[in-house]
């Protein structure tokens, strides 16, 4: 891996692997051809810590290959992990105590169905509930007086549904806390984006 890292050090490119909860997931990337024309070694380096991760990639025959395509494929791992996280944390995917295949299948179907309902509701409400302030234009931008609120998320949809059906407290109490959390998250996102702008020069080109 040391030899590979030295061979790739002159070809680092700072590219985003997709949008995360706090903005673009920018890393330094390099790719190296192996002995097989269908296999590539993709290296991801953290821009702040320099920590590297390696992806051994296979490209099917007669398919075009590019660094951007490999990075896009590597970035798809986050949505998959988020789906499993939501299923376990918010819907109890890993909380069944059944031992028969039929019971496990029923539990999995119910969990994924409830998660799909929350995800669809959050997607449909995104435009109506996204009131975030415009992002900072420079590292010297002043914080807005009103940061707005992030759009409703799967977690917030679940909390509101629970408050409307199971909790003894009135629904307005849960809605008030939801607005507070979303406003706090909007403010945190705005400051996170401004901090990233201060590091923007190293995003443009990563040098050895």
N, C-alpha and C. Protein backbone atom coordinates (compact mmCIF):
# COMPACT_ATOMS: atom_id res chain seq x y z
N UNK A 1 0.82 -1.20 0.00
CA UNK A 1 0.00 0.00 0.00
C UNK A 1 0.86 1.27 0.00
N UNK A 2 2.05 1.18 0.58
CA UNK A 2 2.93 2.35 0.61
C UNK A 2 3.35 2.71 -0.81
N UNK A 3 3.75 1.69 -1.60
CA UNK A 3 4.16 1.94 -2.98
C UNK A 3 3.00 2.51 -3.79
N UNK A 4 1.81 1.96 -3.58
CA UNK A 4 0.64 2.46 -4.27
C UNK A 4 0.37 3.91 -3.93
N UNK A 5 0.51 4.24 -2.65
CA UNK A 5 0.25 5.61 -2.22
C UNK A 5 1.26 6.57 -2.86
N UNK A 6 2.52 6.15 -2.97
CA UNK A 6 3.53 7.00 -3.56
C UNK A 6 3.29 7.19 -5.05
N UNK A 7 2.82 6.16 -5.73
CA UNK A 7 2.54 6.27 -7.15
C UNK A 7 1.35 7.18 -7.41
N UNK A 8 0.40 7.25 -6.46
CA UNK A 8 -0.82 8.03 -6.67
C UNK A 8 -0.71 9.45 -6.16
N UNK A 9 0.35 9.77 -5.46
CA UNK A 9 0.39 11.06 -4.76
C UNK A 9 0.37 12.25 -5.71
N UNK A 10 0.83 12.10 -6.95
CA UNK A 10 0.85 13.21 -7.88
C UNK A 10 -0.47 13.34 -8.66
N UNK A 11 -1.42 12.51 -8.38
CA UNK A 11 -2.66 12.51 -9.15
C UNK A 11 -3.89 12.70 -8.27
N UNK A 12 -3.71 13.29 -7.10
CA UNK A 12 -4.85 13.52 -6.22
C UNK A 12 -5.77 14.57 -6.83
N UNK A 13 -7.07 14.33 -6.74
CA UNK A 13 -8.07 15.29 -7.17
C UNK A 13 -9.13 15.41 -6.08
N UNK A 14 -9.49 16.64 -5.76
CA UNK A 14 -10.51 16.86 -4.74
C UNK A 14 -11.88 16.86 -5.41
N UNK A 15 -12.67 15.83 -5.10
CA UNK A 15 -13.98 15.65 -5.71
C UNK A 15 -14.98 15.30 -4.61
N UNK A 16 -16.20 15.77 -4.75
CA UNK A 16 -17.24 15.45 -3.78
C UNK A 16 -17.80 14.07 -4.07
N UNK A 17 -18.04 13.30 -3.02
CA UNK A 17 -18.66 11.98 -3.14
C UNK A 17 -20.17 12.06 -3.00
N UNK A 18 -20.72 13.26 -2.94
CA UNK A 18 -22.16 13.42 -2.79
C UNK A 18 -22.47 14.38 -1.65
N UNK A 19 -23.72 14.73 -1.54
CA UNK A 19 -24.16 15.68 -0.53
C UNK A 19 -24.53 14.95 0.75
N UNK A 20 -23.96 15.40 1.87
CA UNK A 20 -24.30 14.86 3.17
C UNK A 20 -25.19 15.81 3.95
N UNK A 21 -25.40 15.52 5.21
CA UNK A 21 -26.28 16.36 6.02
C UNK A 21 -25.70 17.74 6.28
N UNK A 22 -24.38 17.89 6.15
CA UNK A 22 -23.73 19.17 6.39
C UNK A 22 -23.05 19.72 5.15
N UNK A 23 -23.44 19.25 3.99
CA UNK A 23 -22.87 19.77 2.76
C UNK A 23 -22.17 18.69 1.94
N UNK A 24 -21.34 19.14 1.03
CA UNK A 24 -20.65 18.21 0.14
C UNK A 24 -19.60 17.41 0.90
N UNK A 25 -19.51 16.11 0.59
CA UNK A 25 -18.51 15.23 1.18
C UNK A 25 -17.28 15.23 0.27
N UNK A 26 -16.43 16.21 0.46
CA UNK A 26 -15.26 16.36 -0.40
C UNK A 26 -14.07 15.60 0.17
N UNK A 27 -13.42 14.83 -0.68
CA UNK A 27 -12.21 14.09 -0.34
C UNK A 27 -11.21 14.23 -1.48
N UNK A 28 -9.99 13.87 -1.22
CA UNK A 28 -8.99 13.75 -2.27
C UNK A 28 -9.00 12.32 -2.77
N UNK A 29 -9.02 12.16 -4.11
CA UNK A 29 -9.14 10.83 -4.70
C UNK A 29 -8.00 10.60 -5.68
N UNK A 30 -7.61 9.35 -5.79
CA UNK A 30 -6.64 8.93 -6.80
C UNK A 30 -7.01 7.52 -7.23
N UNK A 31 -6.74 7.20 -8.49
CA UNK A 31 -7.05 5.86 -8.98
C UNK A 31 -5.86 5.32 -9.74
N UNK A 32 -5.66 4.02 -9.61
CA UNK A 32 -4.49 3.36 -10.19
C UNK A 32 -4.96 2.09 -10.89
N UNK A 33 -4.46 1.89 -12.10
CA UNK A 33 -4.78 0.68 -12.85
C UNK A 33 -3.99 -0.49 -12.29
N UNK A 34 -4.60 -1.66 -12.29
CA UNK A 34 -3.94 -2.88 -11.83
C UNK A 34 -3.53 -3.71 -13.04
N UNK A 35 -3.11 -4.93 -12.79
CA UNK A 35 -2.72 -5.80 -13.89
C UNK A 35 -3.90 -6.14 -14.79
N UNK A 36 -5.10 -6.14 -14.25
CA UNK A 36 -6.29 -6.43 -15.03
C UNK A 36 -6.89 -5.12 -15.54
N UNK A 37 -7.27 -5.03 -16.82
CA UNK A 37 -7.87 -3.79 -17.33
C UNK A 37 -9.25 -3.50 -16.76
N UNK A 38 -9.89 -4.48 -16.11
CA UNK A 38 -11.22 -4.28 -15.55
C UNK A 38 -11.19 -3.98 -14.07
N UNK A 39 -10.02 -3.93 -13.46
CA UNK A 39 -9.92 -3.68 -12.03
C UNK A 39 -9.06 -2.45 -11.77
N UNK A 40 -9.54 -1.64 -10.81
CA UNK A 40 -8.85 -0.39 -10.46
C UNK A 40 -8.78 -0.28 -8.95
N UNK A 41 -7.76 0.40 -8.49
CA UNK A 41 -7.62 0.70 -7.07
C UNK A 41 -7.95 2.17 -6.87
N UNK A 42 -9.02 2.43 -6.13
CA UNK A 42 -9.46 3.80 -5.84
C UNK A 42 -9.05 4.15 -4.41
N UNK A 43 -8.37 5.26 -4.25
CA UNK A 43 -7.87 5.69 -2.94
C UNK A 43 -8.57 6.98 -2.55
N UNK A 44 -9.12 7.00 -1.35
CA UNK A 44 -9.79 8.18 -0.81
C UNK A 44 -8.99 8.71 0.36
N UNK A 45 -8.66 9.99 0.32
CA UNK A 45 -7.89 10.60 1.41
C UNK A 45 -8.67 11.74 2.03
N UNK A 46 -8.76 11.74 3.35
CA UNK A 46 -9.45 12.79 4.08
C UNK A 46 -8.64 14.08 3.97
N UNK A 47 -9.32 15.18 3.65
CA UNK A 47 -8.60 16.43 3.40
C UNK A 47 -7.99 17.02 4.66
N UNK A 48 -8.58 16.74 5.81
CA UNK A 48 -8.09 17.33 7.05
C UNK A 48 -7.07 16.44 7.75
N UNK A 49 -7.36 15.15 7.85
CA UNK A 49 -6.49 14.25 8.61
C UNK A 49 -5.50 13.50 7.75
N UNK A 50 -5.75 13.41 6.45
CA UNK A 50 -4.87 12.65 5.58
C UNK A 50 -5.08 11.16 5.64
N UNK A 51 -6.07 10.70 6.40
CA UNK A 51 -6.33 9.27 6.50
C UNK A 51 -6.84 8.73 5.16
N UNK A 52 -6.33 7.57 4.77
CA UNK A 52 -6.66 6.99 3.48
C UNK A 52 -7.54 5.76 3.64
N UNK A 53 -8.41 5.58 2.67
CA UNK A 53 -9.22 4.37 2.55
C UNK A 53 -9.08 3.87 1.12
N UNK A 54 -9.12 2.55 0.93
CA UNK A 54 -8.88 1.97 -0.38
C UNK A 54 -10.10 1.19 -0.84
N UNK A 55 -10.45 1.35 -2.10
CA UNK A 55 -11.57 0.64 -2.70
C UNK A 55 -11.04 -0.15 -3.91
N UNK A 56 -11.26 -1.45 -3.90
CA UNK A 56 -10.87 -2.29 -5.03
C UNK A 56 -12.08 -2.39 -5.95
N UNK A 57 -12.01 -1.80 -7.13
CA UNK A 57 -13.16 -1.62 -8.00
C UNK A 57 -13.09 -2.55 -9.21
N UNK A 58 -14.23 -3.08 -9.58
CA UNK A 58 -14.37 -3.90 -10.78
C UNK A 58 -15.32 -3.20 -11.75
N UNK A 59 -14.89 -3.04 -12.98
CA UNK A 59 -15.70 -2.42 -14.02
C UNK A 59 -16.07 -3.50 -15.03
N UNK A 60 -17.35 -3.74 -15.27
CA UNK A 60 -17.73 -4.79 -16.23
C UNK A 60 -17.16 -4.53 -17.62
N UNK A 61 -17.02 -5.58 -18.39
CA UNK A 61 -16.48 -5.46 -19.74
C UNK A 61 -17.38 -4.57 -20.60
N UNK A 62 -16.75 -3.83 -21.49
CA UNK A 62 -17.42 -2.93 -22.44
C UNK A 62 -18.17 -1.79 -21.74
N UNK A 63 -17.78 -1.50 -20.51
CA UNK A 63 -18.35 -0.37 -19.79
C UNK A 63 -17.29 0.72 -19.65
N UNK A 64 -17.65 1.98 -19.88
CA UNK A 64 -16.66 3.05 -19.74
C UNK A 64 -16.25 3.23 -18.29
N UNK A 65 -15.05 3.63 -18.06
CA UNK A 65 -14.55 3.85 -16.72
C UNK A 65 -13.94 5.25 -16.63
N UNK A 66 -14.24 5.91 -15.54
CA UNK A 66 -13.67 7.23 -15.27
C UNK A 66 -13.57 7.40 -13.77
N UNK A 67 -12.74 8.33 -13.35
CA UNK A 67 -12.59 8.58 -11.92
C UNK A 67 -13.91 9.02 -11.31
N UNK A 68 -14.65 9.88 -12.00
CA UNK A 68 -15.92 10.37 -11.48
C UNK A 68 -16.90 9.23 -11.29
N UNK A 69 -16.91 8.28 -12.21
CA UNK A 69 -17.84 7.16 -12.10
C UNK A 69 -17.50 6.28 -10.90
N UNK A 70 -16.22 6.03 -10.68
CA UNK A 70 -15.81 5.22 -9.55
C UNK A 70 -16.13 5.93 -8.23
N UNK A 71 -15.93 7.25 -8.19
CA UNK A 71 -16.23 8.01 -6.98
C UNK A 71 -17.73 7.98 -6.70
N UNK A 72 -18.55 8.12 -7.75
CA UNK A 72 -20.00 8.06 -7.57
C UNK A 72 -20.43 6.72 -7.00
N UNK A 73 -19.84 5.64 -7.52
CA UNK A 73 -20.17 4.30 -7.00
C UNK A 73 -19.75 4.16 -5.54
N UNK A 74 -18.56 4.68 -5.20
CA UNK A 74 -18.10 4.60 -3.81
C UNK A 74 -18.97 5.44 -2.89
N UNK A 75 -19.48 6.57 -3.39
CA UNK A 75 -20.32 7.43 -2.57
C UNK A 75 -21.69 6.86 -2.29
N UNK A 76 -22.13 5.86 -3.08
CA UNK A 76 -23.44 5.26 -2.86
C UNK A 76 -23.48 4.41 -1.59
N UNK A 77 -22.32 4.17 -1.00
CA UNK A 77 -22.30 3.38 0.24
C UNK A 77 -23.00 4.13 1.37
N UNK A 78 -22.91 5.46 1.40
CA UNK A 78 -23.52 6.23 2.49
C UNK A 78 -25.03 6.11 2.50
N UNK A 79 -25.74 6.28 1.38
CA UNK A 79 -27.20 6.10 1.44
C UNK A 79 -27.62 4.71 1.90
N UNK A 80 -26.87 3.69 1.50
CA UNK A 80 -27.20 2.33 1.94
C UNK A 80 -27.03 2.22 3.45
N UNK A 81 -25.92 2.75 3.98
CA UNK A 81 -25.70 2.70 5.42
C UNK A 81 -26.76 3.50 6.16
N UNK A 82 -27.15 4.64 5.59
CA UNK A 82 -28.19 5.44 6.24
C UNK A 82 -29.51 4.69 6.28
N UNK A 83 -29.82 3.96 5.20
CA UNK A 83 -31.05 3.18 5.18
C UNK A 83 -31.08 2.13 6.27
N UNK A 84 -29.96 1.41 6.46
CA UNK A 84 -29.89 0.42 7.53
C UNK A 84 -29.95 1.11 8.90
N UNK A 85 -29.30 2.26 9.02
CA UNK A 85 -29.31 2.97 10.31
C UNK A 85 -30.73 3.42 10.67
N UNK A 86 -31.43 4.00 9.68
CA UNK A 86 -32.80 4.41 9.93
C UNK A 86 -33.67 3.21 10.30
N UNK A 87 -33.47 2.11 9.56
CA UNK A 87 -34.28 0.93 9.84
C UNK A 87 -34.06 0.39 11.24
N UNK A 88 -32.83 0.44 11.73
CA UNK A 88 -32.52 -0.09 13.06
C UNK A 88 -32.87 0.90 14.16
N UNK A 89 -32.51 2.16 13.97
CA UNK A 89 -32.70 3.14 15.04
C UNK A 89 -34.13 3.65 15.15
N UNK A 90 -34.80 3.85 14.02
CA UNK A 90 -36.10 4.49 14.04
C UNK A 90 -37.27 3.52 13.88
N UNK A 91 -37.01 2.35 13.30
CA UNK A 91 -38.12 1.44 13.05
C UNK A 91 -37.96 0.08 13.72
N UNK A 92 -36.86 -0.15 14.42
CA UNK A 92 -36.69 -1.40 15.14
C UNK A 92 -36.41 -2.60 14.27
N UNK A 93 -35.64 -2.41 13.20
CA UNK A 93 -35.34 -3.53 12.30
C UNK A 93 -34.57 -4.64 13.01
N UNK A 94 -33.74 -4.28 13.97
CA UNK A 94 -32.92 -5.28 14.67
C UNK A 94 -33.46 -5.60 16.07
N UNK A 95 -34.72 -5.31 16.33
CA UNK A 95 -35.26 -5.49 17.67
C UNK A 95 -36.27 -6.64 17.77
N UNK A 96 -36.33 -7.49 16.76
CA UNK A 96 -37.26 -8.61 16.82
C UNK A 96 -36.65 -9.75 17.65
N UNK A 97 -37.49 -10.52 18.30
CA UNK A 97 -37.06 -11.67 19.09
C UNK A 97 -37.72 -12.95 18.58
N UNK A 98 -37.84 -13.02 17.26
CA UNK A 98 -38.49 -14.17 16.63
C UNK A 98 -37.41 -15.13 16.14
N UNK A 99 -37.83 -16.38 15.92
CA UNK A 99 -36.88 -17.42 15.51
C UNK A 99 -37.30 -18.14 14.23
N UNK A 100 -38.50 -17.92 13.77
CA UNK A 100 -38.96 -18.59 12.57
C UNK A 100 -38.83 -17.66 11.36
N UNK A 101 -38.59 -18.25 10.21
CA UNK A 101 -38.38 -17.45 9.00
C UNK A 101 -39.61 -16.62 8.65
N UNK A 102 -40.79 -17.20 8.84
CA UNK A 102 -42.01 -16.46 8.52
C UNK A 102 -42.16 -15.23 9.40
N UNK A 103 -41.90 -15.38 10.68
CA UNK A 103 -42.01 -14.24 11.60
C UNK A 103 -40.97 -13.18 11.28
N UNK A 104 -39.75 -13.61 10.95
CA UNK A 104 -38.71 -12.64 10.59
C UNK A 104 -39.10 -11.88 9.34
N UNK A 105 -39.65 -12.59 8.35
CA UNK A 105 -40.06 -11.94 7.11
C UNK A 105 -41.17 -10.93 7.37
N UNK A 106 -42.13 -11.30 8.22
CA UNK A 106 -43.22 -10.37 8.52
C UNK A 106 -42.71 -9.12 9.24
N UNK A 107 -41.81 -9.32 10.19
CA UNK A 107 -41.24 -8.18 10.92
C UNK A 107 -40.48 -7.26 9.97
N UNK A 108 -39.69 -7.84 9.08
CA UNK A 108 -38.91 -7.04 8.13
C UNK A 108 -39.81 -6.25 7.20
N UNK A 109 -40.88 -6.89 6.72
CA UNK A 109 -41.82 -6.20 5.82
C UNK A 109 -42.49 -5.03 6.53
N UNK A 110 -42.93 -5.24 7.76
CA UNK A 110 -43.59 -4.16 8.51
C UNK A 110 -42.63 -3.00 8.76
N UNK A 111 -41.38 -3.32 9.11
CA UNK A 111 -40.41 -2.26 9.38
C UNK A 111 -40.11 -1.46 8.12
N UNK A 112 -39.83 -2.16 7.03
CA UNK A 112 -39.51 -1.46 5.79
C UNK A 112 -40.71 -0.66 5.28
N UNK A 113 -41.92 -1.17 5.49
CA UNK A 113 -43.11 -0.42 5.06
C UNK A 113 -43.26 0.87 5.87
N UNK A 114 -43.07 0.78 7.18
CA UNK A 114 -43.18 1.99 8.01
C UNK A 114 -42.07 2.98 7.67
N UNK A 115 -40.86 2.46 7.41
CA UNK A 115 -39.77 3.35 7.03
C UNK A 115 -40.06 4.02 5.69
N UNK A 116 -40.64 3.28 4.75
CA UNK A 116 -40.98 3.85 3.45
C UNK A 116 -42.02 4.96 3.60
N UNK A 117 -43.01 4.76 4.48
CA UNK A 117 -44.02 5.79 4.71
C UNK A 117 -43.38 7.08 5.21
N UNK A 118 -42.47 6.94 6.19
CA UNK A 118 -41.79 8.13 6.73
C UNK A 118 -40.91 8.79 5.68
N UNK A 119 -40.20 7.99 4.88
CA UNK A 119 -39.31 8.54 3.86
C UNK A 119 -40.11 9.28 2.78
N UNK A 120 -41.23 8.71 2.37
CA UNK A 120 -42.06 9.36 1.35
C UNK A 120 -42.66 10.65 1.90
N UNK A 121 -43.11 10.61 3.15
CA UNK A 121 -43.68 11.82 3.76
C UNK A 121 -42.63 12.92 3.86
N UNK A 122 -41.41 12.55 4.25
CA UNK A 122 -40.34 13.54 4.35
C UNK A 122 -39.99 14.12 2.98
N UNK A 123 -39.97 13.27 1.95
CA UNK A 123 -39.65 13.75 0.60
C UNK A 123 -40.73 14.69 0.07
N UNK A 124 -41.98 14.38 0.32
CA UNK A 124 -43.08 15.22 -0.16
C UNK A 124 -43.14 16.55 0.58
N UNK A 125 -42.67 16.56 1.84
CA UNK A 125 -42.73 17.80 2.63
C UNK A 125 -41.45 18.62 2.53
N UNK A 126 -40.46 18.14 1.79
CA UNK A 126 -39.17 18.82 1.77
C UNK A 126 -39.28 20.27 1.31
N UNK A 127 -39.93 20.50 0.19
CA UNK A 127 -39.99 21.86 -0.35
C UNK A 127 -40.79 22.79 0.56
N UNK A 128 -41.84 22.28 1.17
CA UNK A 128 -42.70 23.13 2.00
C UNK A 128 -42.06 23.46 3.34
N UNK A 129 -41.21 22.58 3.84
CA UNK A 129 -40.67 22.76 5.19
C UNK A 129 -39.23 23.23 5.21
N UNK A 130 -38.60 23.37 4.06
CA UNK A 130 -37.21 23.84 4.00
C UNK A 130 -37.19 25.35 3.95
N UNK A 131 -36.87 25.97 5.08
CA UNK A 131 -36.82 27.44 5.17
C UNK A 131 -35.43 27.91 5.57
N UNK A 132 -34.40 27.17 5.22
CA UNK A 132 -33.05 27.53 5.61
C UNK A 132 -32.62 28.85 4.96
N UNK A 133 -31.81 29.59 5.69
CA UNK A 133 -31.27 30.84 5.17
C UNK A 133 -30.31 30.54 4.03
N UNK A 134 -30.08 31.50 3.13
CA UNK A 134 -29.12 31.28 2.04
C UNK A 134 -27.75 30.90 2.59
N UNK A 135 -27.04 30.01 1.94
CA UNK A 135 -25.72 29.60 2.44
C UNK A 135 -24.72 30.74 2.41
N UNK A 136 -23.68 30.68 3.21
CA UNK A 136 -22.67 31.76 3.22
C UNK A 136 -21.96 31.83 1.88
N UNK A 137 -21.61 33.05 1.48
CA UNK A 137 -20.91 33.26 0.21
C UNK A 137 -19.41 33.31 0.38
N UNK A 138 -18.95 33.58 1.59
CA UNK A 138 -17.52 33.68 1.85
C UNK A 138 -17.25 33.35 3.31
N UNK A 139 -15.99 33.11 3.66
CA UNK A 139 -15.67 32.82 5.08
C UNK A 139 -15.97 33.98 6.01
N UNK A 140 -16.14 35.20 5.46
CA UNK A 140 -16.41 36.38 6.29
C UNK A 140 -17.89 36.72 6.36
N UNK A 141 -18.74 35.90 5.80
CA UNK A 141 -20.17 36.19 5.81
C UNK A 141 -20.71 36.23 7.24
N UNK A 142 -21.59 37.19 7.49
CA UNK A 142 -22.20 37.31 8.81
C UNK A 142 -23.34 36.32 8.93
N UNK A 143 -23.49 35.78 10.12
CA UNK A 143 -24.56 34.81 10.36
C UNK A 143 -25.92 35.48 10.22
N UNK A 144 -26.89 34.82 9.63
CA UNK A 144 -28.22 35.43 9.48
C UNK A 144 -28.93 35.53 10.82
N UNK A 145 -29.79 36.52 10.93
CA UNK A 145 -30.58 36.66 12.15
C UNK A 145 -31.51 35.48 12.34
N UNK A 146 -32.06 35.00 11.25
CA UNK A 146 -32.97 33.86 11.30
C UNK A 146 -32.39 32.74 10.44
N UNK A 147 -31.87 31.67 11.05
CA UNK A 147 -31.28 30.59 10.24
C UNK A 147 -32.31 29.74 9.52
N UNK A 148 -33.59 29.91 9.84
CA UNK A 148 -34.61 29.09 9.23
C UNK A 148 -34.65 27.69 9.84
N UNK A 149 -35.22 26.76 9.12
CA UNK A 149 -35.34 25.38 9.59
C UNK A 149 -34.98 24.43 8.46
N UNK A 150 -34.34 23.33 8.82
CA UNK A 150 -34.07 22.30 7.82
C UNK A 150 -35.39 21.61 7.48
N UNK A 151 -35.48 20.96 6.33
CA UNK A 151 -36.74 20.26 6.01
C UNK A 151 -37.00 19.10 6.96
N UNK A 152 -38.23 18.68 7.02
CA UNK A 152 -38.58 17.54 7.85
C UNK A 152 -37.80 16.30 7.42
N UNK A 153 -37.23 15.61 8.39
CA UNK A 153 -36.46 14.41 8.12
C UNK A 153 -37.27 13.17 8.49
N UNK A 154 -36.73 12.00 8.18
CA UNK A 154 -37.38 10.76 8.55
C UNK A 154 -37.54 10.66 10.05
N UNK A 155 -36.51 11.06 10.79
CA UNK A 155 -36.58 11.01 12.25
C UNK A 155 -37.68 11.92 12.80
N UNK A 156 -37.80 13.13 12.23
CA UNK A 156 -38.82 14.05 12.72
C UNK A 156 -40.22 13.55 12.37
N UNK A 157 -40.38 12.99 11.19
CA UNK A 157 -41.68 12.43 10.82
C UNK A 157 -42.08 11.34 11.80
N UNK A 158 -41.14 10.49 12.16
CA UNK A 158 -41.44 9.40 13.11
C UNK A 158 -41.84 9.96 14.47
N UNK A 159 -41.10 10.98 14.94
CA UNK A 159 -41.43 11.57 16.25
C UNK A 159 -42.84 12.17 16.23
N UNK A 160 -43.17 12.87 15.16
CA UNK A 160 -44.49 13.49 15.09
C UNK A 160 -45.60 12.44 15.00
N UNK A 161 -45.36 11.37 14.26
CA UNK A 161 -46.36 10.30 14.19
C UNK A 161 -46.55 9.63 15.55
N UNK A 162 -45.44 9.41 16.26
CA UNK A 162 -45.55 8.83 17.60
C UNK A 162 -46.31 9.75 18.55
N UNK A 163 -46.03 11.05 18.43
CA UNK A 163 -46.71 12.00 19.31
C UNK A 163 -48.20 12.06 19.02
N UNK A 164 -48.57 11.85 17.75
CA UNK A 164 -49.98 11.94 17.38
C UNK A 164 -50.75 10.68 17.72
N UNK A 165 -50.05 9.57 17.94
CA UNK A 165 -50.76 8.29 18.12
C UNK A 165 -50.54 7.63 19.48
N UNK A 166 -49.36 7.87 20.10
CA UNK A 166 -49.04 7.08 21.29
C UNK A 166 -48.73 7.92 22.52
N UNK A 167 -48.07 9.04 22.35
CA UNK A 167 -47.59 9.77 23.52
C UNK A 167 -48.75 10.49 24.22
N UNK A 168 -48.68 10.59 25.55
CA UNK A 168 -49.75 11.28 26.28
C UNK A 168 -49.69 12.80 26.11
N UNK A 169 -48.50 13.34 25.77
CA UNK A 169 -48.40 14.79 25.60
C UNK A 169 -49.10 15.22 24.32
N UNK A 170 -49.61 16.45 24.29
CA UNK A 170 -50.31 16.93 23.10
C UNK A 170 -49.36 17.07 21.91
N UNK A 171 -49.93 17.02 20.71
CA UNK A 171 -49.13 17.05 19.49
C UNK A 171 -48.39 18.38 19.34
N UNK A 172 -48.96 19.48 19.88
CA UNK A 172 -48.31 20.77 19.72
C UNK A 172 -46.98 20.80 20.46
N UNK A 173 -46.88 20.01 21.55
CA UNK A 173 -45.63 19.97 22.30
C UNK A 173 -44.52 19.34 21.45
N UNK A 174 -44.82 18.24 20.78
CA UNK A 174 -43.84 17.60 19.91
C UNK A 174 -43.51 18.48 18.70
N UNK A 175 -44.51 19.17 18.16
CA UNK A 175 -44.27 20.04 17.01
C UNK A 175 -43.36 21.20 17.39
N UNK A 176 -43.53 21.71 18.61
CA UNK A 176 -42.68 22.82 19.07
C UNK A 176 -41.23 22.37 19.20
N UNK A 177 -41.02 21.19 19.79
CA UNK A 177 -39.66 20.67 19.90
C UNK A 177 -39.07 20.37 18.53
N UNK A 178 -39.90 19.92 17.61
CA UNK A 178 -39.43 19.64 16.25
C UNK A 178 -38.93 20.92 15.58
N UNK A 179 -39.67 21.99 15.72
CA UNK A 179 -39.23 23.27 15.14
C UNK A 179 -37.94 23.74 15.77
N UNK A 180 -37.81 23.55 17.09
CA UNK A 180 -36.57 23.97 17.76
C UNK A 180 -35.38 23.18 17.25
N UNK A 181 -35.52 21.85 17.13
CA UNK A 181 -34.42 21.02 16.64
C UNK A 181 -34.04 21.39 15.21
N UNK A 182 -35.02 21.58 14.37
CA UNK A 182 -34.73 21.88 12.97
C UNK A 182 -34.08 23.25 12.81
N UNK A 183 -34.48 24.19 13.66
CA UNK A 183 -33.83 25.51 13.62
C UNK A 183 -32.37 25.41 14.10
N UNK A 184 -32.15 24.66 15.15
CA UNK A 184 -30.79 24.47 15.66
C UNK A 184 -29.92 23.77 14.61
N UNK A 185 -30.46 22.78 13.91
CA UNK A 185 -29.70 22.09 12.88
C UNK A 185 -29.41 23.00 11.69
N UNK A 186 -30.35 23.88 11.35
CA UNK A 186 -30.12 24.82 10.27
C UNK A 186 -28.98 25.77 10.61
N UNK A 187 -28.95 26.24 11.86
CA UNK A 187 -27.86 27.13 12.27
C UNK A 187 -26.52 26.39 12.24
N UNK A 188 -26.49 25.14 12.71
CA UNK A 188 -25.26 24.36 12.69
C UNK A 188 -24.78 24.12 11.26
N UNK A 189 -25.68 23.84 10.35
CA UNK A 189 -25.30 23.63 8.95
C UNK A 189 -24.70 24.90 8.35
N UNK A 190 -25.30 26.05 8.67
CA UNK A 190 -24.80 27.31 8.10
C UNK A 190 -23.36 27.56 8.56
N UNK A 191 -23.08 27.37 9.84
CA UNK A 191 -21.72 27.58 10.34
C UNK A 191 -20.75 26.53 9.80
N UNK A 192 -21.24 25.32 9.61
CA UNK A 192 -20.37 24.28 9.05
C UNK A 192 -19.98 24.62 7.62
N UNK A 193 -20.92 25.12 6.84
CA UNK A 193 -20.61 25.50 5.46
C UNK A 193 -19.65 26.68 5.42
N UNK A 194 -19.79 27.63 6.35
CA UNK A 194 -18.86 28.76 6.36
C UNK A 194 -17.46 28.30 6.74
N UNK A 195 -17.36 27.35 7.68
CA UNK A 195 -16.05 26.82 8.03
C UNK A 195 -15.40 26.10 6.85
N UNK A 196 -16.21 25.43 6.05
CA UNK A 196 -15.66 24.76 4.87
C UNK A 196 -15.16 25.76 3.83
N UNK A 197 -15.84 26.89 3.72
CA UNK A 197 -15.38 27.90 2.78
C UNK A 197 -14.00 28.43 3.16
N UNK A 198 -13.71 28.46 4.46
CA UNK A 198 -12.39 28.90 4.90
C UNK A 198 -11.30 27.93 4.48
N UNK A 199 -11.67 26.67 4.22
CA UNK A 199 -10.71 25.68 3.77
C UNK A 199 -10.80 25.43 2.27
N UNK A 200 -11.55 26.29 1.56
CA UNK A 200 -11.79 26.07 0.15
C UNK A 200 -10.53 25.95 -0.71
N UNK A 201 -9.44 26.69 -0.44
CA UNK A 201 -8.26 26.54 -1.31
C UNK A 201 -7.75 25.12 -1.40
N UNK A 202 -7.81 24.34 -0.34
CA UNK A 202 -7.30 22.97 -0.43
C UNK A 202 -8.30 22.05 -1.11
N UNK A 203 -9.55 22.51 -1.31
CA UNK A 203 -10.49 21.71 -2.09
C UNK A 203 -10.18 21.80 -3.58
N UNK A 204 -9.68 22.96 -4.00
CA UNK A 204 -9.47 23.16 -5.44
C UNK A 204 -8.43 22.20 -6.01
N UNK A 205 -7.33 22.04 -5.35
CA UNK A 205 -6.29 21.15 -5.85
C UNK A 205 -5.49 20.63 -4.68
N UNK A 206 -5.40 19.34 -4.55
CA UNK A 206 -4.65 18.72 -3.48
C UNK A 206 -3.28 18.36 -4.01
N UNK A 207 -2.25 18.92 -3.43
CA UNK A 207 -0.90 18.68 -3.90
C UNK A 207 -0.17 17.74 -2.92
N UNK A 208 0.82 17.01 -3.40
CA UNK A 208 1.57 16.11 -2.52
C UNK A 208 2.38 16.88 -1.49
